[in-house]
Amino acid sequence: MVRKNEEKVLYKVRKSRKAFLTEYICGGLLVVGAGALYVMGFKSLGYVLLGIFILGVFSILLAEVSRMMVRYTILHTKIIITKGLVQQTRQNVYFRPLGFATDINLRQGRLQRLLGYGTIYLRGSDAENAFELTDIDYPEDMMRTLEDLIEQNRGDNDKEEKK
């Protein structure tokens, strides 16, 4: 059953895998290292190698679970920020009040800029409308998209006030 006023989803965004590059590299090295030592004949260290292998897999899985914990859904009139997997919290940030946004900033460190991900901070006229999109891919493009959506909703506000 589809609701009449249900909006079309423009983007679904998660944290970038690039933000967890350290965890992926370390986990991969542990897995490959344990496998290589086993193949080279260090079978007498069976439980140690198994422990190293499990630690590597755990590192990779933990990075994936952390990545899945935060989701951003961008609609024409709002952003829905969902945190958690089983127990979820949702924050709806509407663009209409953000029409008077005081700040929209992009923060990237050197490595983030090199890899192409970053964090967008947006603060509206009150603290209730402050939020951040953390560690997302192509943050410049997303920032432009958010600015356009805020401007569209500001224009809708102006049209309603003239009526």
C-alpha atoms as a PDB file:
ATOM      1  CA  MET A   1       0.000   0.000   0.000  1.00  0.00           C
ATOM      2  CA  VAL A   2       1.536   3.311  -1.122  1.00  0.00           C
ATOM      3  CA  ARG A   3       0.713   6.535   0.691  1.00  0.00           C
ATOM      4  CA  LYS A   4      -0.370   9.535  -1.342  1.00  0.00           C
ATOM      5  CA  ASN A   5       2.157  11.924   0.122  1.00  0.00           C
ATOM      6  CA  GLU A   6       5.088   9.491   0.149  1.00  0.00           C
ATOM      7  CA  GLU A   7       8.148  11.138  -1.334  1.00  0.00           C
ATOM      8  CA  LYS A   8      10.616   9.767  -3.820  1.00  0.00           C
ATOM      9  CA  VAL A   9      14.014   8.868  -2.369  1.00  0.00           C
ATOM     10  CA  LEU A  10      16.766  10.861  -4.088  1.00  0.00           C
ATOM     11  CA  TYR A  11      19.777   9.269  -2.393  1.00  0.00           C
ATOM     12  CA  LYS A  12      20.547   6.577   0.145  1.00  0.00           C
ATOM     13  CA  VAL A  13      23.977   7.182   1.621  1.00  0.00           C
ATOM     14  CA  ARG A  14      26.146   5.236   4.067  1.00  0.00           C
ATOM     15  CA  LYS A  15      29.577   5.858   5.458  1.00  0.00           C
ATOM     16  CA  SER A  16      32.295   5.262   2.908  1.00  0.00           C
ATOM     17  CA  ARG A  17      34.335   2.080   3.069  1.00  0.00           C
ATOM     18  CA  LYS A  18      37.333   4.346   2.581  1.00  0.00           C
ATOM     19  CA  ALA A  19      36.792   5.640   6.128  1.00  0.00           C
ATOM     20  CA  PHE A  20      37.514   2.125   7.405  1.00  0.00           C
ATOM     21  CA  LEU A  21      40.543   1.521   5.200  1.00  0.00           C
ATOM     22  CA  THR A  22      42.823   0.901   8.191  1.00  0.00           C
ATOM     23  CA  GLU A  23      40.533  -1.825   9.552  1.00  0.00           C
ATOM     24  CA  TYR A  24      40.248  -3.488   6.154  1.00  0.00           C
ATOM     25  CA  ILE A  25      43.987  -3.446   5.537  1.00  0.00           C
ATOM     26  CA  CYS A  26      44.896  -4.727   9.012  1.00  0.00           C
ATOM     27  CA  GLY A  27      42.211  -7.426   8.900  1.00  0.00           C
ATOM     28  CA  GLY A  28      43.272  -8.508   5.433  1.00  0.00           C
ATOM     29  CA  LEU A  29      46.935  -8.662   6.427  1.00  0.00           C
ATOM     30  CA  LEU A  30      46.088 -10.781   9.472  1.00  0.00           C
ATOM     31  CA  VAL A  31      43.992 -13.195   7.402  1.00  0.00           C
ATOM     32  CA  VAL A  32      46.585 -13.472   4.619  1.00  0.00           C
ATOM     33  CA  GLY A  33      49.455 -13.700   7.118  1.00  0.00           C
ATOM     34  CA  ALA A  34      47.798 -16.502   9.090  1.00  0.00           C
ATOM     35  CA  GLY A  35      47.045 -18.373   5.863  1.00  0.00           C
ATOM     36  CA  ALA A  36      50.586 -17.909   4.562  1.00  0.00           C
ATOM     37  CA  LEU A  37      52.150 -19.130   7.822  1.00  0.00           C
ATOM     38  CA  TYR A  38      49.875 -22.186   7.785  1.00  0.00           C
ATOM     39  CA  VAL A  39      50.823 -23.017   4.181  1.00  0.00           C
ATOM     40  CA  MET A  40      54.536 -22.506   4.952  1.00  0.00           C
ATOM     41  CA  GLY A  41      54.368 -25.286   7.484  1.00  0.00           C
ATOM     42  CA  PHE A  42      53.828 -23.594  10.838  1.00  0.00           C
ATOM     43  CA  LYS A  43      51.022 -26.029  11.614  1.00  0.00           C
ATOM     44  CA  SER A  44      52.321 -26.529  15.156  1.00  0.00           C
ATOM     45  CA  LEU A  45      51.035 -23.003  15.895  1.00  0.00           C
ATOM     46  CA  GLY A  46      47.510 -24.089  14.913  1.00  0.00           C
ATOM     47  CA  TYR A  47      45.550 -22.319  17.644  1.00  0.00           C
ATOM     48  CA  VAL A  48      47.667 -19.174  17.377  1.00  0.00           C
ATOM     49  CA  LEU A  49      47.166 -19.046  13.609  1.00  0.00           C
ATOM     50  CA  LEU A  50      43.456 -19.689  14.052  1.00  0.00           C
ATOM     51  CA  GLY A  51      43.300 -16.842  16.561  1.00  0.00           C
ATOM     52  CA  ILE A  52      45.106 -14.487  14.182  1.00  0.00           C
ATOM     53  CA  PHE A  53      42.773 -15.508  11.345  1.00  0.00           C
ATOM     54  CA  ILE A  54      39.664 -14.955  13.500  1.00  0.00           C
ATOM     55  CA  LEU A  55      40.994 -11.561  14.642  1.00  0.00           C
ATOM     56  CA  GLY A  56      41.463 -10.513  11.009  1.00  0.00           C
ATOM     57  CA  VAL A  57      37.958 -11.602  10.022  1.00  0.00           C
ATOM     58  CA  PHE A  58      36.538  -9.906  13.131  1.00  0.00           C
ATOM     59  CA  SER A  59      38.287  -6.643  12.186  1.00  0.00           C
ATOM     60  CA  ILE A  60      36.725  -6.672   8.725  1.00  0.00           C
ATOM     61  CA  LEU A  61      33.266  -7.604  10.031  1.00  0.00           C
ATOM     62  CA  LEU A  62      33.411  -4.907  12.710  1.00  0.00           C
ATOM     63  CA  ALA A  63      34.203  -2.293  10.065  1.00  0.00           C
ATOM     64  CA  GLU A  64      31.222  -3.440   7.980  1.00  0.00           C
ATOM     65  CA  VAL A  65      28.858  -3.404  10.965  1.00  0.00           C
ATOM     66  CA  SER A  66      30.064   0.077  11.946  1.00  0.00           C
ATOM     67  CA  ARG A  67      29.446   1.209   8.390  1.00  0.00           C
ATOM     68  CA  MET A  68      25.898  -0.188   8.439  1.00  0.00           C
ATOM     69  CA  MET A  69      25.026   1.565  11.701  1.00  0.00           C
ATOM     70  CA  VAL A  70      24.375   4.980  10.124  1.00  0.00           C
ATOM     71  CA  ARG A  71      22.224   5.589   7.061  1.00  0.00           C
ATOM     72  CA  TYR A  72      21.206   8.850   5.424  1.00  0.00           C
ATOM     73  CA  THR A  73      18.110   8.951   3.218  1.00  0.00           C
ATOM     74  CA  ILE A  74      17.718  12.170   1.237  1.00  0.00           C
ATOM     75  CA  LEU A  75      14.267  13.160   0.000  1.00  0.00           C
ATOM     76  CA  HIS A  76      13.118  16.386  -1.685  1.00  0.00           C
ATOM     77  CA  THR A  77      11.962  17.953   1.575  1.00  0.00           C
ATOM     78  CA  LYS A  78      14.018  16.274   4.289  1.00  0.00           C
ATOM     79  CA  ILE A  79      16.938  14.092   5.304  1.00  0.00           C
ATOM     80  CA  ILE A  80      16.274  11.030   7.433  1.00  0.00           C
ATOM     81  CA  ILE A  81      19.249  10.041   9.600  1.00  0.00           C
ATOM     82  CA  THR A  82      18.883   6.474  10.900  1.00  0.00           C
ATOM     83  CA  LYS A  83      21.311   5.138  13.490  1.00  0.00           C
ATOM     84  CA  GLY A  84      21.456   1.549  14.710  1.00  0.00           C
ATOM     85  CA  LEU A  85      20.657  -1.885  13.357  1.00  0.00           C
ATOM     86  CA  VAL A  86      18.252  -3.547  15.776  1.00  0.00           C
ATOM     87  CA  GLN A  87      17.410  -0.631  18.044  1.00  0.00           C
ATOM     88  CA  GLN A  88      17.131   2.360  15.740  1.00  0.00           C
ATOM     89  CA  THR A  89      16.867   6.077  16.270  1.00  0.00           C
ATOM     90  CA  ARG A  90      15.663   8.335  13.482  1.00  0.00           C
ATOM     91  CA  GLN A  91      16.097  12.026  13.035  1.00  0.00           C
ATOM     92  CA  ASN A  92      14.108  13.894  10.390  1.00  0.00           C
ATOM     93  CA  VAL A  93      15.725  17.130   9.282  1.00  0.00           C
ATOM     94  CA  TYR A  94      13.409  19.190   7.088  1.00  0.00           C
ATOM     95  CA  PHE A  95      14.864  21.520   4.471  1.00  0.00           C
ATOM     96  CA  ARG A  96      12.185  24.166   4.943  1.00  0.00           C
ATOM     97  CA  PRO A  97      13.587  25.432   8.265  1.00  0.00           C
ATOM     98  CA  LEU A  98      17.049  24.994   6.768  1.00  0.00           C
ATOM     99  CA  GLY A  99      16.126  27.611   4.173  1.00  0.00           C
ATOM    100  CA  PHE A 100      17.710  30.008   6.595  1.00  0.00           C
ATOM    101  CA  ALA A 101      20.770  27.846   7.190  1.00  0.00           C
ATOM    102  CA  THR A 102      23.598  29.729   8.772  1.00  0.00           C
ATOM    103  CA  ASP A 103      26.362  27.247   8.006  1.00  0.00           C
ATOM    104  CA  ILE A 104      27.041  24.465   5.550  1.00  0.00           C
ATOM    105  CA  ASN A 105      30.615  23.244   5.712  1.00  0.00           C
ATOM    106  CA  LEU A 106      32.736  20.449   4.358  1.00  0.00           C
ATOM    107  CA  ARG A 107      35.599  19.019   6.370  1.00  0.00           C
ATOM    108  CA  GLN A 108      38.243  16.756   4.843  1.00  0.00           C
ATOM    109  CA  GLY A 109      41.653  15.775   6.133  1.00  0.00           C
ATOM    110  CA  ARG A 110      44.533  15.223   3.750  1.00  0.00           C
ATOM    111  CA  LEU A 111      43.935  11.506   3.384  1.00  0.00           C
ATOM    112  CA  GLN A 112      40.173  12.024   3.097  1.00  0.00           C
ATOM    113  CA  ARG A 113      40.678  14.557   0.314  1.00  0.00           C
ATOM    114  CA  LEU A 114      43.064  12.203  -1.472  1.00  0.00           C
ATOM    115  CA  LEU A 115      40.595   9.291  -1.201  1.00  0.00           C
ATOM    116  CA  GLY A 116      37.510  11.390  -2.002  1.00  0.00           C
ATOM    117  CA  TYR A 117      35.394  11.267   1.149  1.00  0.00           C
ATOM    118  CA  GLY A 118      34.570  13.701   3.944  1.00  0.00           C
ATOM    119  CA  THR A 119      32.021  15.076   6.389  1.00  0.00           C
ATOM    120  CA  ILE A 120      29.367  17.717   5.714  1.00  0.00           C
ATOM    121  CA  TYR A 121      28.217  19.860   8.637  1.00  0.00           C
ATOM    122  CA  LEU A 122      24.996  21.830   8.362  1.00  0.00           C
ATOM    123  CA  ARG A 123      23.538  24.084  11.022  1.00  0.00           C
ATOM    124  CA  GLY A 124      20.207  25.812  10.634  1.00  0.00           C
ATOM    125  CA  SER A 125      18.949  28.856  12.483  1.00  0.00           C
ATOM    126  CA  ASP A 126      18.434  26.789  15.648  1.00  0.00           C
ATOM    127  CA  ALA A 127      20.442  23.960  17.208  1.00  0.00           C
ATOM    128  CA  GLU A 128      17.609  21.483  16.568  1.00  0.00           C
ATOM    129  CA  ASN A 129      18.341  21.594  12.843  1.00  0.00           C
ATOM    130  CA  ALA A 130      22.064  20.846  13.153  1.00  0.00           C
ATOM    131  CA  PHE A 131      23.400  17.611  11.705  1.00  0.00           C
ATOM    132  CA  GLU A 132      26.333  16.064   9.927  1.00  0.00           C
ATOM    133  CA  LEU A 133      26.771  13.555   7.152  1.00  0.00           C
ATOM    134  CA  THR A 134      29.875  11.716   8.315  1.00  0.00           C
ATOM    135  CA  ASP A 135      32.489  10.055   6.089  1.00  0.00           C
ATOM    136  CA  ILE A 136      30.496  10.050   2.847  1.00  0.00           C
ATOM    137  CA  ASP A 137      31.835   9.575  -0.672  1.00  0.00           C
ATOM    138  CA  TYR A 138      31.918  12.576  -3.037  1.00  0.00           C
ATOM    139  CA  PRO A 139      31.093  15.163  -0.362  1.00  0.00           C
ATOM    140  CA  GLU A 140      31.443  18.152  -2.735  1.00  0.00           C
ATOM    141  CA  ASP A 141      28.678  16.770  -4.959  1.00  0.00           C
ATOM    142  CA  MET A 142      26.470  15.992  -1.965  1.00  0.00           C
ATOM    143  CA  MET A 143      27.050  19.486  -0.559  1.00  0.00           C
ATOM    144  CA  ARG A 144      25.940  21.041  -3.865  1.00  0.00           C
ATOM    145  CA  THR A 145      22.881  18.776  -3.891  1.00  0.00           C
ATOM    146  CA  LEU A 146      21.961  19.797  -0.336  1.00  0.00           C
ATOM    147  CA  GLU A 147      22.424  23.476  -1.186  1.00  0.00           C
ATOM    148  CA  ASP A 148      20.113  23.048  -4.202  1.00  0.00           C
ATOM    149  CA  LEU A 149      17.466  21.260  -2.131  1.00  0.00           C
ATOM    150  CA  ILE A 150      17.628  23.946   0.557  1.00  0.00           C
ATOM    151  CA  GLU A 151      17.289  26.636  -2.108  1.00  0.00           C
ATOM    152  CA  GLN A 152      14.292  24.835  -3.687  1.00  0.00           C
ATOM    153  CA  ASN A 153      12.564  24.590  -0.329  1.00  0.00           C
ATOM    154  CA  ARG A 154      13.394  28.236   0.401  1.00  0.00           C
ATOM    155  CA  GLY A 155      11.719  29.077  -2.915  1.00  0.00           C
ATOM    156  CA  ASP A 156       8.668  27.009  -1.911  1.00  0.00           C
ATOM    157  CA  ASN A 157       8.563  28.967   1.368  1.00  0.00           C
ATOM    158  CA  ASP A 158       8.621  32.277  -0.511  1.00  0.00           C
ATOM    159  CA  LYS A 159       5.798  31.151  -2.824  1.00  0.00           C
ATOM    160  CA  GLU A 160       3.598  30.146   0.126  1.00  0.00           C
ATOM    161  CA  GLU A 161       4.221  33.463   1.899  1.00  0.00           C
ATOM    162  CA  LYS A 162       3.133  35.432  -1.200  1.00  0.00           C
ATOM    163  CA  LYS A 163      -0.216  33.579  -1.368  1.00  0.00           C
END
